[in-house]
Amino acid sequence: MPELSRFLGIIITMLYNDHSPPHFHAQYGDYKVIVEILSGIVDGRFPKRALHSLMEWYEIYKDNLLEDWNLAERHEPLNKIPPLE
């Protein structure tokens, strides 16, 4: 699973050949969520502080995530996305 970004203990990944709607995966320790890129809907569980940081990062890089989703659909290399600072 290609890693797109890593910050504050959160690891962001995206799969090739994954199902729609466009989304990314995030892991924080034993917690895992899937976030839909277009809607921001979160499926799974994260601690509140980690989820807040993840969603702040998502809002900043939403366009980059959608671009990576389109690359993944074409089986092209994904772009790294900067961490939350």
Protein backbone atom coordinates (compact mmCIF):
# COMPACT_ATOMS: atom_id res chain seq x y z
CA MET A 1 0.00 0.00 0.00
CA PRO A 2 1.83 3.17 -1.15
CA GLU A 3 2.44 5.68 1.63
CA LEU A 4 1.47 9.26 0.71
CA SER A 5 2.33 11.06 3.94
CA ARG A 6 3.28 10.56 7.58
CA PHE A 7 2.89 13.01 10.46
CA LEU A 8 2.18 12.98 14.22
CA GLY A 9 2.13 9.19 14.18
CA ILE A 10 -0.51 9.11 11.41
CA ILE A 11 0.28 7.15 8.24
CA ILE A 12 -1.67 8.00 5.06
CA THR A 13 -1.89 5.39 2.28
CA MET A 14 -3.79 4.74 -0.93
CA LEU A 15 -4.29 1.48 -2.81
CA TYR A 16 -4.09 0.77 -6.51
CA ASN A 17 -7.22 -0.94 -7.91
CA ASP A 18 -9.30 0.17 -4.93
CA HIS A 19 -13.09 0.52 -4.97
CA SER A 20 -14.99 3.78 -5.47
CA PRO A 21 -15.73 6.33 -4.13
CA PRO A 22 -12.27 7.96 -4.12
CA HIS A 23 -10.75 7.60 -0.65
CA PHE A 24 -7.57 7.20 1.35
CA HIS A 25 -6.60 5.09 4.34
CA ALA A 26 -5.11 6.41 7.58
CA GLN A 27 -3.64 4.54 10.51
CA TYR A 28 -2.71 5.78 13.97
CA GLY A 29 -1.36 2.98 16.14
CA ASP A 30 -4.07 0.31 16.17
CA TYR A 31 -6.72 2.74 14.91
CA LYS A 32 -7.71 2.82 11.23
CA VAL A 33 -10.03 5.01 9.18
CA ILE A 34 -11.00 5.44 5.56
CA VAL A 35 -11.79 8.99 4.42
CA GLU A 36 -13.80 9.72 1.28
CA ILE A 37 -11.96 12.41 -0.65
CA LEU A 38 -14.95 14.23 -2.15
CA SER A 39 -17.20 14.26 0.93
CA GLY A 40 -14.82 13.97 3.89
CA ILE A 41 -16.93 11.14 5.34
CA VAL A 42 -14.88 9.07 7.79
CA ASP A 43 -15.38 5.34 8.31
CA GLY A 44 -13.59 3.83 11.29
CA ARG A 45 -12.23 5.14 14.59
CA PHE A 46 -9.42 7.51 15.56
CA PRO A 47 -8.69 9.33 18.81
CA LYS A 48 -10.20 12.84 18.70
CA ARG A 49 -6.89 14.72 18.54
CA ALA A 50 -5.51 12.48 15.77
CA LEU A 51 -8.78 12.74 13.82
CA HIS A 52 -8.74 16.53 14.12
CA SER A 53 -5.16 16.65 12.77
CA LEU A 54 -6.02 14.20 9.98
CA MET A 55 -9.02 16.24 8.87
CA GLU A 56 -7.03 19.49 9.00
CA TRP A 57 -4.44 17.86 6.70
CA TYR A 58 -7.21 16.50 4.46
CA GLU A 59 -8.72 19.99 3.99
CA ILE A 60 -5.33 21.38 2.94
CA TYR A 61 -4.45 18.55 0.54
CA LYS A 62 -7.85 17.43 -0.77
CA ASP A 63 -6.92 18.32 -4.39
CA ASN A 64 -3.61 16.44 -4.10
CA LEU A 65 -5.44 13.39 -2.78
CA LEU A 66 -7.85 13.42 -5.70
CA GLU A 67 -4.91 13.73 -8.10
CA ASP A 68 -3.26 10.71 -6.47
CA TRP A 69 -6.53 8.76 -6.71
CA ASN A 70 -6.61 9.46 -10.47
CA LEU A 71 -2.98 8.34 -10.78
CA ALA A 72 -3.74 5.14 -8.86
CA GLU A 73 -6.61 4.35 -11.24
CA ARG A 74 -4.14 4.60 -14.13
CA HIS A 75 -1.53 2.52 -12.24
CA GLU A 76 0.92 5.43 -12.26
CA PRO A 77 3.29 6.34 -9.41
CA LEU A 78 1.63 8.35 -6.65
CA ASN A 79 2.92 11.71 -5.44
CA LYS A 80 4.04 12.19 -1.86
CA ILE A 81 2.02 14.79 0.03
CA PRO A 82 3.63 17.04 2.64
CA PRO A 83 2.92 16.33 6.31
CA LEU A 84 0.84 18.59 8.53
CA GLU A 85 3.13 21.19 10.10
